[in-house]
């Protein structure tokens, strides 16, 4: 983060408040975005095992006769099969980065990276539950399928924040994720690439499908600094004074590109999807893109949100 000697602007002072204090407003935002995206979501609509009727289709020669719906077929001079919509219950595990670097938010964005991650996580949980899936927060809750999951998760996150006695880790906790489950990880992933790779490998060890959304602030991506600038590390643990900040731009952008490539490569080794999302872009569009990718089987192609 870059600073100057003037007082902190209102947005930066607001971001200094704890996540627990901001959660009520983030819960409202998540509920609003989930509702807006829900209007454009029409379910999986895939034939498969389940209880919900989808459609009748003509019987195909070679299929088992037990699949024929004789009552429907008796009304016409053709055999019909009753298909049901795919309802195989899945477990979706969610995690978002709560480490100090996620608290950053410039005047170029709508808010902090952390706030965007919270909103996307809660809204995605709501959409998944509406789709018949169970959702859990990695390291915080077991999978549940409650309609009021946004509020439930908000309470869990608030309690976790109040009980925390140290900054959260920048990588997800190690957990045994079943092969038929899915995991979504949201963060800036600015920690050591080796740690990120180990974390992804541990979560994907049993073959779980993964989606990784790497969040950045537009200021972090453009590095618009000129002249004398003071850069502060997250938590104000270190400072760097640069007399000519513009001279650092090329090296900074190269390192940022290398970090992203390392995260992308860690995803590729697990056959996981990878996407970038800037906090000055639409949260609803990112949520819809993410939800769409989760609804597809298999999901092994790179994408962007």
C-alpha atoms as a PDB file:
ATOM      1  CA  UNK A   1       0.000   0.000   0.000  1.00  0.00           C
ATOM      2  CA  UNK A   2       1.296   3.458  -0.864  1.00  0.00           C
ATOM      3  CA  UNK A   3       0.839   6.387   1.468  1.00  0.00           C
ATOM      4  CA  UNK A   4       1.616  10.066   1.883  1.00  0.00           C
ATOM      5  CA  UNK A   5       1.827  12.205   5.056  1.00  0.00           C
ATOM      6  CA  UNK A   6      -1.805  13.442   4.775  1.00  0.00           C
ATOM      7  CA  UNK A   7      -4.571  11.958   6.968  1.00  0.00           C
ATOM      8  CA  UNK A   8      -6.073   8.672   5.855  1.00  0.00           C
ATOM      9  CA  UNK A   9      -9.093   9.121   3.542  1.00  0.00           C
ATOM     10  CA  UNK A  10     -12.516   8.046   4.834  1.00  0.00           C
ATOM     11  CA  UNK A  11     -12.508   4.782   2.863  1.00  0.00           C
ATOM     12  CA  UNK A  12      -9.230   3.636   4.382  1.00  0.00           C
ATOM     13  CA  UNK A  13     -10.433   4.512   7.871  1.00  0.00           C
ATOM     14  CA  UNK A  14     -13.613   2.515   7.257  1.00  0.00           C
ATOM     15  CA  UNK A  15     -11.597  -0.481   6.082  1.00  0.00           C
ATOM     16  CA  UNK A  16      -9.683  -0.397   9.346  1.00  0.00           C
ATOM     17  CA  UNK A  17     -12.859  -1.552  11.126  1.00  0.00           C
ATOM     18  CA  UNK A  18     -12.985  -5.235  11.904  1.00  0.00           C
ATOM     19  CA  UNK A  19     -14.620  -7.661   9.529  1.00  0.00           C
ATOM     20  CA  UNK A  20     -17.071  -8.614  12.267  1.00  0.00           C
ATOM     21  CA  UNK A  21     -18.288  -4.991  12.401  1.00  0.00           C
ATOM     22  CA  UNK A  22     -18.761  -4.856   8.615  1.00  0.00           C
ATOM     23  CA  UNK A  23     -20.433  -8.251   8.266  1.00  0.00           C
ATOM     24  CA  UNK A  24     -24.051  -7.026   8.610  1.00  0.00           C
ATOM     25  CA  UNK A  25     -23.703  -4.788   5.562  1.00  0.00           C
ATOM     26  CA  UNK A  26     -21.810  -7.483   3.653  1.00  0.00           C
ATOM     27  CA  UNK A  27     -24.558 -10.000   4.405  1.00  0.00           C
ATOM     28  CA  UNK A  28     -27.110  -7.593   2.933  1.00  0.00           C
ATOM     29  CA  UNK A  29     -24.945  -7.104  -0.173  1.00  0.00           C
ATOM     30  CA  UNK A  30     -24.490 -10.864  -0.589  1.00  0.00           C
ATOM     31  CA  UNK A  31     -28.221 -11.467  -0.326  1.00  0.00           C
ATOM     32  CA  UNK A  32     -28.923  -8.764  -2.919  1.00  0.00           C
ATOM     33  CA  UNK A  33     -26.353 -10.060  -5.405  1.00  0.00           C
ATOM     34  CA  UNK A  34     -27.440 -13.685  -4.973  1.00  0.00           C
ATOM     35  CA  UNK A  35     -31.042 -12.663  -5.650  1.00  0.00           C
ATOM     36  CA  UNK A  36     -30.104 -10.731  -8.789  1.00  0.00           C
ATOM     37  CA  UNK A  37     -28.059 -13.621 -10.162  1.00  0.00           C
ATOM     38  CA  UNK A  38     -30.751 -16.153  -9.249  1.00  0.00           C
ATOM     39  CA  UNK A  39     -33.043 -14.627 -11.875  1.00  0.00           C
ATOM     40  CA  UNK A  40     -30.578 -15.707 -14.558  1.00  0.00           C
ATOM     41  CA  UNK A  41     -30.016 -19.200 -13.222  1.00  0.00           C
ATOM     42  CA  UNK A  42     -32.326 -21.966 -14.380  1.00  0.00           C
ATOM     43  CA  UNK A  43     -30.790 -25.014 -12.748  1.00  0.00           C
ATOM     44  CA  UNK A  44     -28.682 -27.754 -14.240  1.00  0.00           C
ATOM     45  CA  UNK A  45     -31.465 -29.296 -16.334  1.00  0.00           C
ATOM     46  CA  UNK A  46     -29.497 -32.471 -16.943  1.00  0.00           C
ATOM     47  CA  UNK A  47     -31.023 -35.924 -17.127  1.00  0.00           C
ATOM     48  CA  UNK A  48     -29.939 -38.276 -14.394  1.00  0.00           C
ATOM     49  CA  UNK A  49     -30.925 -39.949 -11.124  1.00  0.00           C
ATOM     50  CA  UNK A  50     -33.318 -37.903  -9.027  1.00  0.00           C
ATOM     51  CA  UNK A  51     -36.929 -37.399  -7.989  1.00  0.00           C
ATOM     52  CA  UNK A  52     -37.937 -34.210  -9.821  1.00  0.00           C
ATOM     53  CA  UNK A  53     -39.649 -34.746 -13.175  1.00  0.00           C
ATOM     54  CA  UNK A  54     -37.972 -32.989 -16.076  1.00  0.00           C
ATOM     55  CA  UNK A  55     -39.443 -34.156 -19.382  1.00  0.00           C
ATOM     56  CA  UNK A  56     -40.776 -37.032 -21.473  1.00  0.00           C
ATOM     57  CA  UNK A  57     -38.699 -38.127 -24.428  1.00  0.00           C
ATOM     58  CA  UNK A  58     -39.181 -40.848 -27.071  1.00  0.00           C
ATOM     59  CA  UNK A  59     -37.979 -44.327 -26.166  1.00  0.00           C
ATOM     60  CA  UNK A  60     -34.792 -45.297 -28.007  1.00  0.00           C
ATOM     61  CA  UNK A  61     -34.359 -48.840 -29.291  1.00  0.00           C
ATOM     62  CA  UNK A  62     -31.922 -50.765 -27.115  1.00  0.00           C
ATOM     63  CA  UNK A  63     -32.866 -49.075 -23.820  1.00  0.00           C
ATOM     64  CA  UNK A  64     -34.206 -51.226 -20.947  1.00  0.00           C
ATOM     65  CA  UNK A  65     -37.975 -51.623 -21.234  1.00  0.00           C
ATOM     66  CA  UNK A  66     -38.268 -50.772 -17.529  1.00  0.00           C
ATOM     67  CA  UNK A  67     -37.539 -47.147 -18.397  1.00  0.00           C
ATOM     68  CA  UNK A  68     -40.747 -46.784 -20.425  1.00  0.00           C
ATOM     69  CA  UNK A  69     -43.541 -44.728 -18.851  1.00  0.00           C
ATOM     70  CA  UNK A  70     -46.480 -46.886 -19.903  1.00  0.00           C
ATOM     71  CA  UNK A  71     -49.208 -44.470 -18.763  1.00  0.00           C
ATOM     72  CA  UNK A  72     -47.812 -41.668 -20.935  1.00  0.00           C
ATOM     73  CA  UNK A  73     -47.081 -44.065 -23.795  1.00  0.00           C
ATOM     74  CA  UNK A  74     -50.632 -45.451 -23.760  1.00  0.00           C
ATOM     75  CA  UNK A  75     -52.022 -42.063 -24.779  1.00  0.00           C
ATOM     76  CA  UNK A  76     -50.025 -42.022 -28.018  1.00  0.00           C
ATOM     77  CA  UNK A  77     -48.789 -44.506 -30.543  1.00  0.00           C
ATOM     78  CA  UNK A  78     -45.206 -44.301 -29.279  1.00  0.00           C
ATOM     79  CA  UNK A  79     -43.184 -45.314 -26.215  1.00  0.00           C
ATOM     80  CA  UNK A  80     -41.970 -42.535 -23.940  1.00  0.00           C
ATOM     81  CA  UNK A  81     -39.353 -42.399 -21.181  1.00  0.00           C
ATOM     82  CA  UNK A  82     -39.851 -40.202 -18.103  1.00  0.00           C
ATOM     83  CA  UNK A  83     -36.602 -38.369 -17.405  1.00  0.00           C
ATOM     84  CA  UNK A  84     -35.763 -36.856 -14.048  1.00  0.00           C
ATOM     85  CA  UNK A  85     -33.523 -33.873 -13.454  1.00  0.00           C
ATOM     86  CA  UNK A  86     -30.075 -34.628 -12.092  1.00  0.00           C
ATOM     87  CA  UNK A  87     -30.184 -34.205  -8.334  1.00  0.00           C
ATOM     88  CA  UNK A  88     -27.033 -35.915  -7.128  1.00  0.00           C
ATOM     89  CA  UNK A  89     -26.364 -33.973  -3.943  1.00  0.00           C
ATOM     90  CA  UNK A  90     -22.890 -32.510  -3.915  1.00  0.00           C
ATOM     91  CA  UNK A  91     -20.829 -30.974  -1.179  1.00  0.00           C
ATOM     92  CA  UNK A  92     -19.310 -27.581  -1.877  1.00  0.00           C
ATOM     93  CA  UNK A  93     -16.502 -26.320   0.353  1.00  0.00           C
ATOM     94  CA  UNK A  94     -15.822 -22.571   0.405  1.00  0.00           C
ATOM     95  CA  UNK A  95     -12.836 -20.623   1.671  1.00  0.00           C
ATOM     96  CA  UNK A  96     -11.769 -17.008   1.350  1.00  0.00           C
ATOM     97  CA  UNK A  97      -8.532 -15.342   2.398  1.00  0.00           C
ATOM     98  CA  UNK A  98      -8.799 -13.242   5.577  1.00  0.00           C
ATOM     99  CA  UNK A  99      -5.097 -12.436   5.861  1.00  0.00           C
ATOM    100  CA  UNK A 100      -3.957  -8.778   6.271  1.00  0.00           C
ATOM    101  CA  UNK A 101      -3.242  -8.183   2.572  1.00  0.00           C
ATOM    102  CA  UNK A 102      -6.942  -8.699   1.763  1.00  0.00           C
ATOM    103  CA  UNK A 103      -7.890  -5.585   3.783  1.00  0.00           C
ATOM    104  CA  UNK A 104      -6.484  -3.334   1.067  1.00  0.00           C
ATOM    105  CA  UNK A 105      -8.887  -1.291  -1.027  1.00  0.00           C
ATOM    106  CA  UNK A 106      -7.994   1.745  -3.120  1.00  0.00           C
ATOM    107  CA  UNK A 107     -10.151   4.643  -4.283  1.00  0.00           C
ATOM    108  CA  UNK A 108     -10.282   2.941  -7.700  1.00  0.00           C
ATOM    109  CA  UNK A 109     -12.412   0.079  -6.350  1.00  0.00           C
ATOM    110  CA  UNK A 110     -15.798  -0.262  -4.681  1.00  0.00           C
ATOM    111  CA  UNK A 111     -14.253  -1.624  -1.492  1.00  0.00           C
ATOM    112  CA  UNK A 112     -11.585  -3.837   0.009  1.00  0.00           C
ATOM    113  CA  UNK A 113     -10.606  -7.160  -1.512  1.00  0.00           C
ATOM    114  CA  UNK A 114     -11.786  -8.846   1.675  1.00  0.00           C
ATOM    115  CA  UNK A 115     -15.263  -7.352   1.387  1.00  0.00           C
ATOM    116  CA  UNK A 116     -15.617  -8.586  -2.189  1.00  0.00           C
ATOM    117  CA  UNK A 117     -14.444 -12.064  -1.165  1.00  0.00           C
ATOM    118  CA  UNK A 118     -16.982 -12.202   1.677  1.00  0.00           C
ATOM    119  CA  UNK A 119     -19.859 -11.132  -0.574  1.00  0.00           C
ATOM    120  CA  UNK A 120     -18.975 -13.639  -3.298  1.00  0.00           C
ATOM    121  CA  UNK A 121     -18.553 -16.464  -0.789  1.00  0.00           C
ATOM    122  CA  UNK A 122     -21.871 -15.863   0.966  1.00  0.00           C
ATOM    123  CA  UNK A 123     -23.798 -15.303  -2.263  1.00  0.00           C
ATOM    124  CA  UNK A 124     -22.324 -18.421  -3.832  1.00  0.00           C
ATOM    125  CA  UNK A 125     -23.316 -20.440  -0.761  1.00  0.00           C
ATOM    126  CA  UNK A 126     -26.882 -19.221  -1.160  1.00  0.00           C
ATOM    127  CA  UNK A 127     -27.041 -20.171  -4.842  1.00  0.00           C
ATOM    128  CA  UNK A 128     -25.579 -23.604  -4.134  1.00  0.00           C
ATOM    129  CA  UNK A 129     -28.099 -24.350  -1.384  1.00  0.00           C
ATOM    130  CA  UNK A 130     -30.941 -23.251  -3.647  1.00  0.00           C
ATOM    131  CA  UNK A 131     -29.584 -25.762  -6.148  1.00  0.00           C
ATOM    132  CA  UNK A 132     -29.840 -28.607  -3.637  1.00  0.00           C
ATOM    133  CA  UNK A 133     -26.218 -28.766  -2.538  1.00  0.00           C
ATOM    134  CA  UNK A 134     -24.656 -28.800   0.901  1.00  0.00           C
ATOM    135  CA  UNK A 135     -22.120 -26.076   1.619  1.00  0.00           C
ATOM    136  CA  UNK A 136     -19.403 -25.814   4.257  1.00  0.00           C
ATOM    137  CA  UNK A 137     -16.787 -23.242   5.204  1.00  0.00           C
ATOM    138  CA  UNK A 138     -13.344 -24.835   5.246  1.00  0.00           C
ATOM    139  CA  UNK A 139     -12.041 -24.920   8.784  1.00  0.00           C
ATOM    140  CA  UNK A 140     -15.145 -23.243  10.225  1.00  0.00           C
ATOM    141  CA  UNK A 141     -18.301 -25.281   9.631  1.00  0.00           C
ATOM    142  CA  UNK A 142     -19.588 -28.642   8.494  1.00  0.00           C
ATOM    143  CA  UNK A 143     -21.580 -28.788   5.231  1.00  0.00           C
ATOM    144  CA  UNK A 144     -25.181 -27.662   5.680  1.00  0.00           C
ATOM    145  CA  UNK A 145     -28.143 -27.052   3.380  1.00  0.00           C
ATOM    146  CA  UNK A 146     -30.098 -24.358   5.227  1.00  0.00           C
ATOM    147  CA  UNK A 147     -32.060 -21.794   3.225  1.00  0.00           C
ATOM    148  CA  UNK A 148     -30.837 -19.029   5.542  1.00  0.00           C
ATOM    149  CA  UNK A 149     -27.254 -19.988   4.904  1.00  0.00           C
ATOM    150  CA  UNK A 150     -26.062 -16.410   4.316  1.00  0.00           C
ATOM    151  CA  UNK A 151     -27.098 -15.427   7.826  1.00  0.00           C
ATOM    152  CA  UNK A 152     -25.794 -18.697   9.302  1.00  0.00           C
ATOM    153  CA  UNK A 153     -22.392 -18.266   7.701  1.00  0.00           C
ATOM    154  CA  UNK A 154     -22.351 -14.584   8.648  1.00  0.00           C
ATOM    155  CA  UNK A 155     -22.788 -15.550  12.308  1.00  0.00           C
ATOM    156  CA  UNK A 156     -20.057 -18.183  12.036  1.00  0.00           C
ATOM    157  CA  UNK A 157     -17.638 -15.700  10.463  1.00  0.00           C
ATOM    158  CA  UNK A 158     -18.411 -13.023  13.051  1.00  0.00           C
ATOM    159  CA  UNK A 159     -17.792 -15.462  15.907  1.00  0.00           C
ATOM    160  CA  UNK A 160     -14.550 -16.615  14.298  1.00  0.00           C
ATOM    161  CA  UNK A 161     -13.326 -13.032  13.894  1.00  0.00           C
ATOM    162  CA  UNK A 162     -14.109 -12.158  17.502  1.00  0.00           C
ATOM    163  CA  UNK A 163     -12.326 -15.274  18.762  1.00  0.00           C
ATOM    164  CA  UNK A 164      -9.225 -14.869  16.571  1.00  0.00           C
ATOM    165  CA  UNK A 165      -6.054 -14.051  18.488  1.00  0.00           C
ATOM    166  CA  UNK A 166      -3.791 -13.903  15.412  1.00  0.00           C
ATOM    167  CA  UNK A 167      -4.076 -12.891  11.736  1.00  0.00           C
ATOM    168  CA  UNK A 168      -5.642 -15.539   9.503  1.00  0.00           C
ATOM    169  CA  UNK A 169      -3.386 -17.669   7.328  1.00  0.00           C
ATOM    170  CA  UNK A 170      -3.118 -16.630   3.661  1.00  0.00           C
ATOM    171  CA  UNK A 171      -3.696 -20.202   2.450  1.00  0.00           C
ATOM    172  CA  UNK A 172      -6.653 -22.533   3.132  1.00  0.00           C
ATOM    173  CA  UNK A 173      -6.436 -25.095   5.948  1.00  0.00           C
ATOM    174  CA  UNK A 174      -5.500 -28.654   5.067  1.00  0.00           C
ATOM    175  CA  UNK A 175      -8.591 -30.838   4.891  1.00  0.00           C
ATOM    176  CA  UNK A 176      -9.555 -34.161   3.333  1.00  0.00           C
ATOM    177  CA  UNK A 177     -11.940 -33.235   0.508  1.00  0.00           C
ATOM    178  CA  UNK A 178     -13.839 -36.167  -0.990  1.00  0.00           C
ATOM    179  CA  UNK A 179     -13.378 -36.880  -4.680  1.00  0.00           C
ATOM    180  CA  UNK A 180     -16.977 -36.010  -5.609  1.00  0.00           C
ATOM    181  CA  UNK A 181     -16.917 -32.722  -3.720  1.00  0.00           C
ATOM    182  CA  UNK A 182     -16.011 -29.287  -5.019  1.00  0.00           C
ATOM    183  CA  UNK A 183     -13.926 -26.575  -3.418  1.00  0.00           C
ATOM    184  CA  UNK A 184     -13.883 -22.843  -4.183  1.00  0.00           C
ATOM    185  CA  UNK A 185     -10.966 -20.736  -2.972  1.00  0.00           C
ATOM    186  CA  UNK A 186     -11.100 -16.924  -3.148  1.00  0.00           C
ATOM    187  CA  UNK A 187      -8.183 -14.646  -2.265  1.00  0.00           C
ATOM    188  CA  UNK A 188      -5.314 -12.548  -3.560  1.00  0.00           C
ATOM    189  CA  UNK A 189      -2.868 -15.481  -3.184  1.00  0.00           C
ATOM    190  CA  UNK A 190       0.147 -13.260  -2.616  1.00  0.00           C
ATOM    191  CA  UNK A 191       1.926 -15.688  -0.278  1.00  0.00           C
ATOM    192  CA  UNK A 192       4.875 -17.878  -1.298  1.00  0.00           C
ATOM    193  CA  UNK A 193       4.069 -19.910  -4.392  1.00  0.00           C
ATOM    194  CA  UNK A 194       5.420 -23.080  -2.747  1.00  0.00           C
ATOM    195  CA  UNK A 195       2.933 -22.737   0.111  1.00  0.00           C
ATOM    196  CA  UNK A 196       0.082 -22.199  -2.328  1.00  0.00           C
ATOM    197  CA  UNK A 197       1.047 -25.259  -4.365  1.00  0.00           C
ATOM    198  CA  UNK A 198       1.260 -27.442  -1.245  1.00  0.00           C
ATOM    199  CA  UNK A 199      -2.127 -26.232  -0.049  1.00  0.00           C
ATOM    200  CA  UNK A 200      -3.826 -26.923  -3.384  1.00  0.00           C
ATOM    201  CA  UNK A 201      -2.192 -30.345  -3.614  1.00  0.00           C
ATOM    202  CA  UNK A 202      -3.419 -31.304  -0.138  1.00  0.00           C
ATOM    203  CA  UNK A 203      -6.991 -30.239  -0.871  1.00  0.00           C
ATOM    204  CA  UNK A 204      -7.021 -31.975  -4.248  1.00  0.00           C
ATOM    205  CA  UNK A 205      -5.281 -35.159  -3.107  1.00  0.00           C
ATOM    206  CA  UNK A 206      -8.485 -37.215  -3.328  1.00  0.00           C
ATOM    207  CA  UNK A 207      -9.544 -35.787  -6.672  1.00  0.00           C
ATOM    208  CA  UNK A 208     -11.861 -32.982  -5.550  1.00  0.00           C
ATOM    209  CA  UNK A 209     -12.772 -30.464  -8.243  1.00  0.00           C
ATOM    210  CA  UNK A 210     -11.544 -26.953  -7.569  1.00  0.00           C
ATOM    211  CA  UNK A 211     -12.222 -23.381  -8.578  1.00  0.00           C
ATOM    212  CA  UNK A 212      -9.737 -20.651  -7.660  1.00  0.00           C
ATOM    213  CA  UNK A 213     -10.650 -16.972  -7.937  1.00  0.00           C
ATOM    214  CA  UNK A 214      -7.680 -14.623  -7.571  1.00  0.00           C
ATOM    215  CA  UNK A 215      -8.787 -11.148  -6.482  1.00  0.00           C
ATOM    216  CA  UNK A 216      -6.845  -7.950  -7.040  1.00  0.00           C
ATOM    217  CA  UNK A 217      -7.402  -4.230  -6.592  1.00  0.00           C
ATOM    218  CA  UNK A 218      -7.038  -2.156  -9.803  1.00  0.00           C
ATOM    219  CA  UNK A 219      -4.323  -0.076  -8.158  1.00  0.00           C
ATOM    220  CA  UNK A 220      -2.312  -3.244  -7.484  1.00  0.00           C
ATOM    221  CA  UNK A 221      -2.589  -4.211 -11.118  1.00  0.00           C
ATOM    222  CA  UNK A 222      -1.742  -0.838 -12.673  1.00  0.00           C
ATOM    223  CA  UNK A 223       0.885   0.532 -10.222  1.00  0.00           C
ATOM    224  CA  UNK A 224       0.225   4.194 -11.092  1.00  0.00           C
ATOM    225  CA  UNK A 225       2.730   5.679  -8.608  1.00  0.00           C
ATOM    226  CA  UNK A 226       5.035   8.536  -9.531  1.00  0.00           C
ATOM    227  CA  UNK A 227       7.736  10.359  -7.588  1.00  0.00           C
ATOM    228  CA  UNK A 228       8.410  10.003  -3.877  1.00  0.00           C
ATOM    229  CA  UNK A 229       6.119   7.299  -2.445  1.00  0.00           C
ATOM    230  CA  UNK A 230       6.063   5.367   0.807  1.00  0.00           C
ATOM    231  CA  UNK A 231       4.808   1.777   0.601  1.00  0.00           C
ATOM    232  CA  UNK A 232       3.429   0.031   3.685  1.00  0.00           C
ATOM    233  CA  UNK A 233       3.286  -3.736   4.123  1.00  0.00           C
ATOM    234  CA  UNK A 234      -0.005  -5.218   5.416  1.00  0.00           C
ATOM    235  CA  UNK A 235      -0.344  -4.542   9.120  1.00  0.00           C
ATOM    236  CA  UNK A 236       2.280  -1.781   8.861  1.00  0.00           C
ATOM    237  CA  UNK A 237       5.016  -4.336   9.609  1.00  0.00           C
ATOM    238  CA  UNK A 238       7.424  -2.844   7.060  1.00  0.00           C
ATOM    239  CA  UNK A 239       7.871   0.313   4.996  1.00  0.00           C
ATOM    240  CA  UNK A 240       9.639   1.126   1.766  1.00  0.00           C
ATOM    241  CA  UNK A 241      10.449   4.697   0.713  1.00  0.00           C
ATOM    242  CA  UNK A 242      10.893   5.082  -3.037  1.00  0.00           C
ATOM    243  CA  UNK A 243      12.195   8.478  -4.307  1.00  0.00           C
ATOM    244  CA  UNK A 244      11.115   7.564  -7.859  1.00  0.00           C
ATOM    245  CA  UNK A 245       8.331   5.015  -7.580  1.00  0.00           C
ATOM    246  CA  UNK A 246       7.892   4.845 -11.354  1.00  0.00           C
ATOM    247  CA  UNK A 247      11.288   3.140 -11.599  1.00  0.00           C
ATOM    248  CA  UNK A 248       9.854   0.128  -9.694  1.00  0.00           C
ATOM    249  CA  UNK A 249       6.891  -0.390 -11.995  1.00  0.00           C
ATOM    250  CA  UNK A 250       8.434  -2.797 -14.514  1.00  0.00           C
ATOM    251  CA  UNK A 251       9.949  -5.056 -11.860  1.00  0.00           C
ATOM    252  CA  UNK A 252       6.734  -4.993  -9.821  1.00  0.00           C
ATOM    253  CA  UNK A 253       4.523  -5.939 -12.778  1.00  0.00           C
ATOM    254  CA  UNK A 254       6.909  -8.737 -13.751  1.00  0.00           C
ATOM    255  CA  UNK A 255       6.785 -10.154 -10.233  1.00  0.00           C
ATOM    256  CA  UNK A 256       2.982  -9.886 -10.143  1.00  0.00           C
ATOM    257  CA  UNK A 257       2.739 -11.750 -13.468  1.00  0.00           C
ATOM    258  CA  UNK A 258       5.066 -14.452 -12.143  1.00  0.00           C
ATOM    259  CA  UNK A 259       2.947 -14.843  -8.998  1.00  0.00           C
ATOM    260  CA  UNK A 260      -0.207 -15.241 -11.033  1.00  0.00           C
ATOM    261  CA  UNK A 261       1.451 -17.763 -13.298  1.00  0.00           C
ATOM    262  CA  UNK A 262       2.570 -19.752 -10.244  1.00  0.00           C
ATOM    263  CA  UNK A 263      -1.003 -19.842  -8.896  1.00  0.00           C
ATOM    264  CA  UNK A 264      -2.320 -20.792 -12.322  1.00  0.00           C
ATOM    265  CA  UNK A 265       0.244 -23.599 -12.565  1.00  0.00           C
ATOM    266  CA  UNK A 266      -0.691 -24.883  -9.094  1.00  0.00           C
ATOM    267  CA  UNK A 267      -4.307 -25.056 -10.266  1.00  0.00           C
ATOM    268  CA  UNK A 268      -3.352 -26.825 -13.488  1.00  0.00           C
ATOM    269  CA  UNK A 269      -1.537 -29.565 -11.554  1.00  0.00           C
ATOM    270  CA  UNK A 270      -4.833 -30.370  -9.803  1.00  0.00           C
ATOM    271  CA  UNK A 271      -6.904 -29.927 -13.009  1.00  0.00           C
ATOM    272  CA  UNK A 272      -8.608 -26.991 -11.281  1.00  0.00           C
ATOM    273  CA  UNK A 273     -10.038 -23.867 -12.874  1.00  0.00           C
ATOM    274  CA  UNK A 274      -8.377 -20.485 -12.372  1.00  0.00           C
ATOM    275  CA  UNK A 275      -9.793 -16.976 -12.793  1.00  0.00           C
ATOM    276  CA  UNK A 276      -8.843 -13.366 -12.114  1.00  0.00           C
ATOM    277  CA  UNK A 277     -11.263 -10.792 -10.721  1.00  0.00           C
ATOM    278  CA  UNK A 278     -10.689  -7.067 -10.128  1.00  0.00           C
ATOM    279  CA  UNK A 279     -12.606  -5.299  -7.403  1.00  0.00           C
ATOM    280  CA  UNK A 280     -13.662  -2.513  -9.767  1.00  0.00           C
ATOM    281  CA  UNK A 281     -15.561  -5.094 -11.838  1.00  0.00           C
ATOM    282  CA  UNK A 282     -19.084  -6.380 -11.310  1.00  0.00           C
ATOM    283  CA  UNK A 283     -19.491  -8.742  -8.363  1.00  0.00           C
ATOM    284  CA  UNK A 284     -22.700 -10.107  -9.883  1.00  0.00           C
ATOM    285  CA  UNK A 285     -20.945 -10.973 -13.146  1.00  0.00           C
ATOM    286  CA  UNK A 286     -18.166 -12.766 -11.255  1.00  0.00           C
ATOM    287  CA  UNK A 287     -20.721 -14.678  -9.185  1.00  0.00           C
ATOM    288  CA  UNK A 288     -22.708 -15.756 -12.240  1.00  0.00           C
ATOM    289  CA  UNK A 289     -19.555 -16.896 -14.033  1.00  0.00           C
ATOM    290  CA  UNK A 290     -18.384 -18.833 -10.995  1.00  0.00           C
ATOM    291  CA  UNK A 291     -21.783 -20.457 -10.417  1.00  0.00           C
ATOM    292  CA  UNK A 292     -22.015 -21.431 -14.086  1.00  0.00           C
ATOM    293  CA  UNK A 293     -18.629 -23.110 -13.999  1.00  0.00           C
ATOM    294  CA  UNK A 294     -19.533 -25.012 -10.851  1.00  0.00           C
ATOM    295  CA  UNK A 295     -22.694 -26.296 -12.512  1.00  0.00           C
ATOM    296  CA  UNK A 296     -20.767 -27.818 -15.403  1.00  0.00           C
ATOM    297  CA  UNK A 297     -19.301 -31.320 -15.265  1.00  0.00           C
ATOM    298  CA  UNK A 298     -16.409 -31.758 -15.734  1.00  0.00           C
ATOM    299  CA  UNK A 299     -14.884 -28.321 -15.050  1.00  0.00           C
ATOM    300  CA  UNK A 300     -11.264 -28.438 -16.185  1.00  0.00           C
ATOM    301  CA  UNK A 301     -10.937 -25.448 -18.540  1.00  0.00           C
ATOM    302  CA  UNK A 302      -9.433 -22.077 -17.671  1.00  0.00           C
ATOM    303  CA  UNK A 303     -11.888 -19.215 -17.485  1.00  0.00           C
ATOM    304  CA  UNK A 304     -12.120 -15.611 -16.406  1.00  0.00           C
ATOM    305  CA  UNK A 305     -14.552 -13.694 -14.216  1.00  0.00           C
END
